Amino acid sequence: MRLIQEPFFFEMDRKEGERIMNKNKKTQKFVAIGMLSSIAYVLMMLNFPIPIFPSFLLIDFSELPALIAAIVFGPLAGIAVEAIKNFLYYAVQGSMTGVPVGSLANFIAGVLYIVPVALMFRKFRNRKSITLGLAVGTILTSIVMSILNYYVILPAYTWFLQAPAMSDKMLYATVTTAIFPFNIVKGAIVGVLFGLMYAKMHTWIAKRSIHPSTSVSK
């Protein structure tokens, strides 16, 4: 009877150990996402204008923590960071329109920027995939946000502020001379900063990645 029972108990102990380890990993993941979201919120508050663009276009570096979450824990983690930071920003700072138009726009832009990076990294797991993902994310963000600003975001601002509606000519000029180039510039700046961060953090990323069995290349 003892010979039959011992393997059974060993198997029970192994499964219990795996369950505890998985629970601990999930807890660590949630804690990390919470910390990265808090950092992203602080960075979002430290926004500033670029002199060559209209003053309502502000640059910040809150995508950096979201990028870390996305490549370490997967795209959904990065999206969660984007959602939490914008929720916190709207809850604390509010909006001049009374509704979170700006926060929703920032969330969409952030998701468009980080998801290509996360997907490229999960497939190729090297520095080139990071660079390619950042380039794709920058172009995708610039194009999609230009379209959304033309048809939805800028008209929503004027409607909620009860301001005169912008003409098609003015909308087109704002999108082509401000929105599109601003997103290109912001994407490039954030991309350079994240590239420098990745060069210093690739070993840390490899240890904490959701795919530890696959090596991370420089």
C-alpha atoms as a PDB file:
ATOM      1  CA  MET A   1       0.000   0.000   0.000  1.00  0.00           C
ATOM      2  CA  ARG A   2       2.853   2.383   0.837  1.00  0.00           C
ATOM      3  CA  LEU A   3       4.420   1.916  -2.597  1.00  0.00           C
ATOM      4  CA  ILE A   4       1.149   2.901  -4.210  1.00  0.00           C
ATOM      5  CA  GLN A   5       0.510   5.896  -1.986  1.00  0.00           C
ATOM      6  CA  GLU A   6       3.944   7.592  -2.100  1.00  0.00           C
ATOM      7  CA  PRO A   7       3.882   8.459  -5.840  1.00  0.00           C
ATOM      8  CA  PHE A   8       0.353   9.722  -5.374  1.00  0.00           C
ATOM      9  CA  PHE A   9       1.380  12.090  -2.582  1.00  0.00           C
ATOM     10  CA  PHE A  10       4.464  13.207  -4.507  1.00  0.00           C
ATOM     11  CA  GLU A  11       2.193  14.063  -7.451  1.00  0.00           C
ATOM     12  CA  MET A  12      -0.162  15.944  -5.119  1.00  0.00           C
ATOM     13  CA  ASP A  13       2.772  17.945  -3.696  1.00  0.00           C
ATOM     14  CA  ARG A  14       4.052  18.746  -7.186  1.00  0.00           C
ATOM     15  CA  LYS A  15       0.667  20.000  -8.366  1.00  0.00           C
ATOM     16  CA  GLU A  16       0.211  22.058  -5.197  1.00  0.00           C
ATOM     17  CA  GLY A  17       3.658  23.574  -5.687  1.00  0.00           C
ATOM     18  CA  GLU A  18       2.846  24.493  -9.280  1.00  0.00           C
ATOM     19  CA  ARG A  19      -0.466  26.027  -8.201  1.00  0.00           C
ATOM     20  CA  ILE A  20       1.268  28.187  -5.585  1.00  0.00           C
ATOM     21  CA  MET A  21       3.964  29.247  -8.054  1.00  0.00           C
ATOM     22  CA  ASN A  22       1.365  30.211 -10.673  1.00  0.00           C
ATOM     23  CA  LYS A  23      -0.580  32.163  -8.059  1.00  0.00           C
ATOM     24  CA  ASN A  24       2.584  33.996  -7.001  1.00  0.00           C
ATOM     25  CA  LYS A  25       3.413  34.831 -10.632  1.00  0.00           C
ATOM     26  CA  LYS A  26      -0.069  36.242 -11.190  1.00  0.00           C
ATOM     27  CA  THR A  27       0.230  38.322  -8.025  1.00  0.00           C
ATOM     28  CA  GLN A  28       3.632  39.649  -9.117  1.00  0.00           C
ATOM     29  CA  LYS A  29       2.195  40.463 -12.545  1.00  0.00           C
ATOM     30  CA  PHE A  30      -0.725  42.427 -11.089  1.00  0.00           C
ATOM     31  CA  VAL A  31       1.602  44.294  -8.724  1.00  0.00           C
ATOM     32  CA  ALA A  32       3.979  45.125 -11.584  1.00  0.00           C
ATOM     33  CA  ILE A  33       1.121  46.362 -13.793  1.00  0.00           C
ATOM     34  CA  GLY A  34      -0.126  48.530 -10.926  1.00  0.00           C
ATOM     35  CA  MET A  35       3.331  50.032 -10.363  1.00  0.00           C
ATOM     36  CA  LEU A  36       3.900  50.653 -14.065  1.00  0.00           C
ATOM     37  CA  SER A  37       0.453  52.261 -14.326  1.00  0.00           C
ATOM     38  CA  SER A  38       1.300  54.612 -11.464  1.00  0.00           C
ATOM     39  CA  ILE A  39       4.582  55.573 -13.106  1.00  0.00           C
ATOM     40  CA  ALA A  40       2.782  56.099 -16.415  1.00  0.00           C
ATOM     41  CA  TYR A  41       0.249  58.377 -14.705  1.00  0.00           C
ATOM     42  CA  VAL A  42       3.021  60.496 -13.168  1.00  0.00           C
ATOM     43  CA  LEU A  43       4.807  60.742 -16.510  1.00  0.00           C
ATOM     44  CA  MET A  44       1.532  61.709 -18.179  1.00  0.00           C
ATOM     45  CA  MET A  45       1.167  64.586 -15.723  1.00  0.00           C
ATOM     46  CA  LEU A  46       4.651  65.813 -16.662  1.00  0.00           C
ATOM     47  CA  ASN A  47       3.533  66.682 -20.187  1.00  0.00           C
ATOM     48  CA  PHE A  48       4.841  69.693 -22.077  1.00  0.00           C
ATOM     49  CA  PRO A  49       4.333  71.374 -25.465  1.00  0.00           C
ATOM     50  CA  ILE A  50       6.742  71.336 -28.387  1.00  0.00           C
ATOM     51  CA  PRO A  51       7.234  74.907 -29.664  1.00  0.00           C
ATOM     52  CA  ILE A  52       6.732  74.022 -33.332  1.00  0.00           C
ATOM     53  CA  PHE A  53       3.254  72.579 -32.672  1.00  0.00           C
ATOM     54  CA  PRO A  54       0.006  74.106 -31.321  1.00  0.00           C
ATOM     55  CA  SER A  55      -0.086  74.403 -27.525  1.00  0.00           C
ATOM     56  CA  PHE A  56      -2.922  71.873 -27.170  1.00  0.00           C
ATOM     57  CA  LEU A  57      -0.618  69.112 -28.397  1.00  0.00           C
ATOM     58  CA  LEU A  58       1.409  67.968 -25.406  1.00  0.00           C
ATOM     59  CA  ILE A  59       4.128  65.343 -25.371  1.00  0.00           C
ATOM     60  CA  ASP A  60       4.744  62.984 -22.465  1.00  0.00           C
ATOM     61  CA  PHE A  61       6.621  59.757 -21.925  1.00  0.00           C
ATOM     62  CA  SER A  62       3.867  57.682 -20.314  1.00  0.00           C
ATOM     63  CA  GLU A  63       4.102  55.108 -23.118  1.00  0.00           C
ATOM     64  CA  LEU A  64       7.449  53.912 -21.735  1.00  0.00           C
ATOM     65  CA  PRO A  65       5.992  51.970 -18.749  1.00  0.00           C
ATOM     66  CA  ALA A  66       3.212  50.638 -20.996  1.00  0.00           C
ATOM     67  CA  LEU A  67       5.827  49.358 -23.455  1.00  0.00           C
ATOM     68  CA  ILE A  68       7.668  47.582 -20.660  1.00  0.00           C
ATOM     69  CA  ALA A  69       4.443  45.927 -19.500  1.00  0.00           C
ATOM     70  CA  ALA A  70       3.547  44.938 -23.063  1.00  0.00           C
ATOM     71  CA  ILE A  71       6.813  43.203 -23.896  1.00  0.00           C
ATOM     72  CA  VAL A  72       7.275  41.573 -20.474  1.00  0.00           C
ATOM     73  CA  PHE A  73       3.701  40.415 -19.782  1.00  0.00           C
ATOM     74  CA  GLY A  74       2.054  40.659 -23.208  1.00  0.00           C
ATOM     75  CA  PRO A  75      -0.085  43.176 -25.143  1.00  0.00           C
ATOM     76  CA  LEU A  76      -3.045  43.002 -22.738  1.00  0.00           C
ATOM     77  CA  ALA A  77      -0.828  44.120 -19.859  1.00  0.00           C
ATOM     78  CA  GLY A  78       0.313  47.133 -21.861  1.00  0.00           C
ATOM     79  CA  ILE A  79      -3.277  47.962 -22.732  1.00  0.00           C
ATOM     80  CA  ALA A  80      -4.163  47.687 -19.028  1.00  0.00           C
ATOM     81  CA  VAL A  81      -1.440  50.219 -18.167  1.00  0.00           C
ATOM     82  CA  GLU A  82      -2.774  52.582 -20.827  1.00  0.00           C
ATOM     83  CA  ALA A  83      -6.324  52.220 -19.487  1.00  0.00           C
ATOM     84  CA  ILE A  84      -5.401  52.672 -15.817  1.00  0.00           C
ATOM     85  CA  LYS A  85      -3.179  55.724 -16.377  1.00  0.00           C
ATOM     86  CA  ASN A  86      -5.889  57.469 -18.408  1.00  0.00           C
ATOM     87  CA  PHE A  87      -8.566  56.590 -15.865  1.00  0.00           C
ATOM     88  CA  LEU A  88      -6.388  58.041 -13.093  1.00  0.00           C
ATOM     89  CA  TYR A  89      -5.609  61.132 -15.139  1.00  0.00           C
ATOM     90  CA  TYR A  90      -9.262  61.842 -15.875  1.00  0.00           C
ATOM     91  CA  ALA A  91     -10.333  61.054 -12.305  1.00  0.00           C
ATOM     92  CA  VAL A  92      -7.762  63.450 -10.834  1.00  0.00           C
ATOM     93  CA  GLN A  93      -7.316  66.116 -13.512  1.00  0.00           C
ATOM     94  CA  GLY A  94     -10.739  66.039 -15.149  1.00  0.00           C
ATOM     95  CA  SER A  95     -11.318  67.454 -18.624  1.00  0.00           C
ATOM     96  CA  MET A  96     -12.144  70.889 -19.966  1.00  0.00           C
ATOM     97  CA  THR A  97     -14.974  69.326 -21.968  1.00  0.00           C
ATOM     98  CA  GLY A  98     -16.464  67.530 -18.968  1.00  0.00           C
ATOM     99  CA  VAL A  99     -16.106  64.180 -20.731  1.00  0.00           C
ATOM    100  CA  PRO A 100     -12.888  62.186 -21.243  1.00  0.00           C
ATOM    101  CA  VAL A 101     -12.367  63.016 -24.911  1.00  0.00           C
ATOM    102  CA  GLY A 102      -8.659  63.653 -24.439  1.00  0.00           C
ATOM    103  CA  SER A 103      -8.176  60.598 -22.236  1.00  0.00           C
ATOM    104  CA  LEU A 104      -9.931  58.355 -24.757  1.00  0.00           C
ATOM    105  CA  ALA A 105      -7.786  59.799 -27.545  1.00  0.00           C
ATOM    106  CA  ASN A 106      -4.634  59.214 -25.490  1.00  0.00           C
ATOM    107  CA  PHE A 107      -5.718  55.640 -24.720  1.00  0.00           C
ATOM    108  CA  ILE A 108      -6.346  54.839 -28.393  1.00  0.00           C
ATOM    109  CA  ALA A 109      -3.064  56.414 -29.463  1.00  0.00           C
ATOM    110  CA  GLY A 110      -1.166  54.541 -26.760  1.00  0.00           C
ATOM    111  CA  VAL A 111      -2.674  51.178 -27.701  1.00  0.00           C
ATOM    112  CA  LEU A 112      -1.933  51.752 -31.381  1.00  0.00           C
ATOM    113  CA  TYR A 113       1.663  52.537 -30.478  1.00  0.00           C
ATOM    114  CA  ILE A 114       2.500  49.721 -28.036  1.00  0.00           C
ATOM    115  CA  VAL A 115       0.631  46.730 -29.493  1.00  0.00           C
ATOM    116  CA  PRO A 116       2.771  46.418 -32.675  1.00  0.00           C
ATOM    117  CA  VAL A 117       5.897  46.466 -30.493  1.00  0.00           C
ATOM    118  CA  ALA A 118       4.545  43.736 -28.227  1.00  0.00           C
ATOM    119  CA  LEU A 119       3.459  41.534 -31.131  1.00  0.00           C
ATOM    120  CA  MET A 120       6.740  41.925 -33.006  1.00  0.00           C
ATOM    121  CA  PHE A 121       8.713  41.178 -29.848  1.00  0.00           C
ATOM    122  CA  ARG A 122       6.690  38.062 -29.039  1.00  0.00           C
ATOM    123  CA  LYS A 123       7.407  36.713 -32.524  1.00  0.00           C
ATOM    124  CA  PHE A 124      11.100  37.548 -32.974  1.00  0.00           C
ATOM    125  CA  ARG A 125      12.323  38.535 -29.488  1.00  0.00           C
ATOM    126  CA  ASN A 126      15.270  40.690 -30.450  1.00  0.00           C
ATOM    127  CA  ARG A 127      16.259  44.336 -30.706  1.00  0.00           C
ATOM    128  CA  LYS A 128      15.338  44.526 -34.389  1.00  0.00           C
ATOM    129  CA  SER A 129      11.773  43.467 -33.569  1.00  0.00           C
ATOM    130  CA  ILE A 130      11.580  46.301 -31.032  1.00  0.00           C
ATOM    131  CA  THR A 131      12.795  48.819 -33.618  1.00  0.00           C
ATOM    132  CA  LEU A 132      10.427  47.518 -36.294  1.00  0.00           C
ATOM    133  CA  GLY A 133       7.495  47.489 -33.871  1.00  0.00           C
ATOM    134  CA  LEU A 134       8.197  51.076 -32.806  1.00  0.00           C
ATOM    135  CA  ALA A 135       8.320  52.187 -36.447  1.00  0.00           C
ATOM    136  CA  VAL A 136       5.064  50.400 -37.269  1.00  0.00           C
ATOM    137  CA  GLY A 137       3.436  51.755 -34.114  1.00  0.00           C
ATOM    138  CA  THR A 138       4.481  55.315 -34.930  1.00  0.00           C
ATOM    139  CA  ILE A 139       3.141  55.165 -38.478  1.00  0.00           C
ATOM    140  CA  LEU A 140      -0.070  53.391 -37.413  1.00  0.00           C
ATOM    141  CA  THR A 141      -0.701  55.885 -34.600  1.00  0.00           C
ATOM    142  CA  SER A 142      -0.081  58.862 -36.894  1.00  0.00           C
ATOM    143  CA  ILE A 143      -2.440  57.634 -39.608  1.00  0.00           C
ATOM    144  CA  VAL A 144      -5.280  56.374 -37.423  1.00  0.00           C
ATOM    145  CA  MET A 145      -5.203  59.344 -35.043  1.00  0.00           C
ATOM    146  CA  SER A 146      -5.235  61.738 -38.004  1.00  0.00           C
ATOM    147  CA  ILE A 147      -8.395  60.082 -39.315  1.00  0.00           C
ATOM    148  CA  LEU A 148     -10.024  59.992 -35.863  1.00  0.00           C
ATOM    149  CA  ASN A 149      -9.149  63.626 -35.194  1.00  0.00           C
ATOM    150  CA  TYR A 150     -10.629  64.701 -38.521  1.00  0.00           C
ATOM    151  CA  TYR A 151     -13.901  62.819 -38.162  1.00  0.00           C
ATOM    152  CA  VAL A 152     -14.425  62.383 -34.396  1.00  0.00           C
ATOM    153  CA  ILE A 153     -12.042  63.922 -31.859  1.00  0.00           C
ATOM    154  CA  LEU A 154     -11.735  67.544 -33.033  1.00  0.00           C
ATOM    155  CA  PRO A 155     -15.481  67.819 -33.841  1.00  0.00           C
ATOM    156  CA  ALA A 156     -16.219  66.336 -30.386  1.00  0.00           C
ATOM    157  CA  TYR A 157     -14.069  68.977 -28.693  1.00  0.00           C
ATOM    158  CA  THR A 158     -15.858  71.821 -30.456  1.00  0.00           C
ATOM    159  CA  TRP A 159     -19.280  70.256 -29.763  1.00  0.00           C
ATOM    160  CA  PHE A 160     -18.707  69.712 -26.024  1.00  0.00           C
ATOM    161  CA  LEU A 161     -17.114  73.137 -25.653  1.00  0.00           C
ATOM    162  CA  GLN A 162     -20.045  74.667 -27.564  1.00  0.00           C
ATOM    163  CA  ALA A 163     -17.550  76.355 -29.861  1.00  0.00           C
ATOM    164  CA  PRO A 164     -18.122  77.077 -33.560  1.00  0.00           C
ATOM    165  CA  ALA A 165     -17.611  73.978 -35.674  1.00  0.00           C
ATOM    166  CA  MET A 166     -14.363  73.800 -37.621  1.00  0.00           C
ATOM    167  CA  SER A 167     -14.658  73.898 -41.380  1.00  0.00           C
ATOM    168  CA  ASP A 168     -13.438  70.962 -43.442  1.00  0.00           C
ATOM    169  CA  LYS A 169     -10.557  73.113 -44.669  1.00  0.00           C
ATOM    170  CA  MET A 170      -9.539  74.007 -41.113  1.00  0.00           C
ATOM    171  CA  LEU A 171      -9.842  70.381 -39.967  1.00  0.00           C
ATOM    172  CA  TYR A 172      -7.691  69.214 -42.854  1.00  0.00           C
ATOM    173  CA  ALA A 173      -5.059  71.872 -42.167  1.00  0.00           C
ATOM    174  CA  THR A 174      -4.962  71.029 -38.448  1.00  0.00           C
ATOM    175  CA  VAL A 175      -4.611  67.309 -39.103  1.00  0.00           C
ATOM    176  CA  THR A 176      -1.964  67.564 -41.837  1.00  0.00           C
ATOM    177  CA  THR A 177       0.177  70.316 -40.317  1.00  0.00           C
ATOM    178  CA  ALA A 178      -0.182  69.476 -36.610  1.00  0.00           C
ATOM    179  CA  ILE A 179      -1.750  66.130 -35.640  1.00  0.00           C
ATOM    180  CA  PHE A 180       0.066  63.879 -38.113  1.00  0.00           C
ATOM    181  CA  PRO A 181       3.580  65.364 -37.773  1.00  0.00           C
ATOM    182  CA  PHE A 182       3.182  65.644 -33.981  1.00  0.00           C
ATOM    183  CA  ASN A 183       2.512  61.902 -33.670  1.00  0.00           C
ATOM    184  CA  ILE A 184       5.469  61.139 -35.906  1.00  0.00           C
ATOM    185  CA  VAL A 185       7.763  63.288 -33.768  1.00  0.00           C
ATOM    186  CA  LYS A 186       6.385  61.923 -30.486  1.00  0.00           C
ATOM    187  CA  GLY A 187       6.642  58.331 -31.686  1.00  0.00           C
ATOM    188  CA  ALA A 188      10.238  58.879 -32.773  1.00  0.00           C
ATOM    189  CA  ILE A 189      11.267  60.492 -29.479  1.00  0.00           C
ATOM    190  CA  VAL A 190       9.593  57.841 -27.329  1.00  0.00           C
ATOM    191  CA  GLY A 191      11.032  55.149 -29.606  1.00  0.00           C
ATOM    192  CA  VAL A 192      14.592  56.419 -29.187  1.00  0.00           C
ATOM    193  CA  LEU A 193      14.190  56.599 -25.411  1.00  0.00           C
ATOM    194  CA  PHE A 194      12.730  53.096 -25.234  1.00  0.00           C
ATOM    195  CA  GLY A 195      15.493  51.753 -27.475  1.00  0.00           C
ATOM    196  CA  LEU A 196      18.052  53.104 -25.005  1.00  0.00           C
ATOM    197  CA  MET A 197      16.085  51.609 -22.105  1.00  0.00           C
ATOM    198  CA  TYR A 198      15.858  48.219 -23.804  1.00  0.00           C
ATOM    199  CA  ALA A 199      19.620  48.169 -24.370  1.00  0.00           C
ATOM    200  CA  LYS A 200      20.068  48.421 -20.599  1.00  0.00           C
ATOM    201  CA  MET A 201      17.149  46.197 -19.607  1.00  0.00           C
ATOM    202  CA  HIS A 202      17.186  43.264 -22.039  1.00  0.00           C
ATOM    203  CA  THR A 203      18.590  40.855 -19.397  1.00  0.00           C
ATOM    204  CA  TRP A 204      15.934  41.923 -16.883  1.00  0.00           C
ATOM    205  CA  ILE A 205      13.247  41.543 -19.554  1.00  0.00           C
ATOM    206  CA  ALA A 206      14.479  38.038 -20.395  1.00  0.00           C
ATOM    207  CA  LYS A 207      14.165  36.931 -16.760  1.00  0.00           C
ATOM    208  CA  ARG A 208      10.657  38.311 -16.316  1.00  0.00           C
ATOM    209  CA  SER A 209       9.171  37.675 -19.723  1.00  0.00           C
ATOM    210  CA  ILE A 210       5.997  35.602 -20.081  1.00  0.00           C
ATOM    211  CA  HIS A 211       8.008  33.361 -22.440  1.00  0.00           C
ATOM    212  CA  PRO A 212      11.032  32.496 -20.296  1.00  0.00           C
ATOM    213  CA  SER A 213      11.834  29.416 -22.358  1.00  0.00           C
ATOM    214  CA  THR A 214      12.708  31.558 -25.356  1.00  0.00           C
ATOM    215  CA  SER A 215      15.917  33.564 -25.219  1.00  0.00           C
ATOM    216  CA  VAL A 216      15.926  37.304 -25.745  1.00  0.00           C
ATOM    217  CA  SER A 217      18.517  38.593 -28.188  1.00  0.00           C
ATOM    218  CA  LYS A 218      20.200  41.954 -28.092  1.00  0.00           C
END
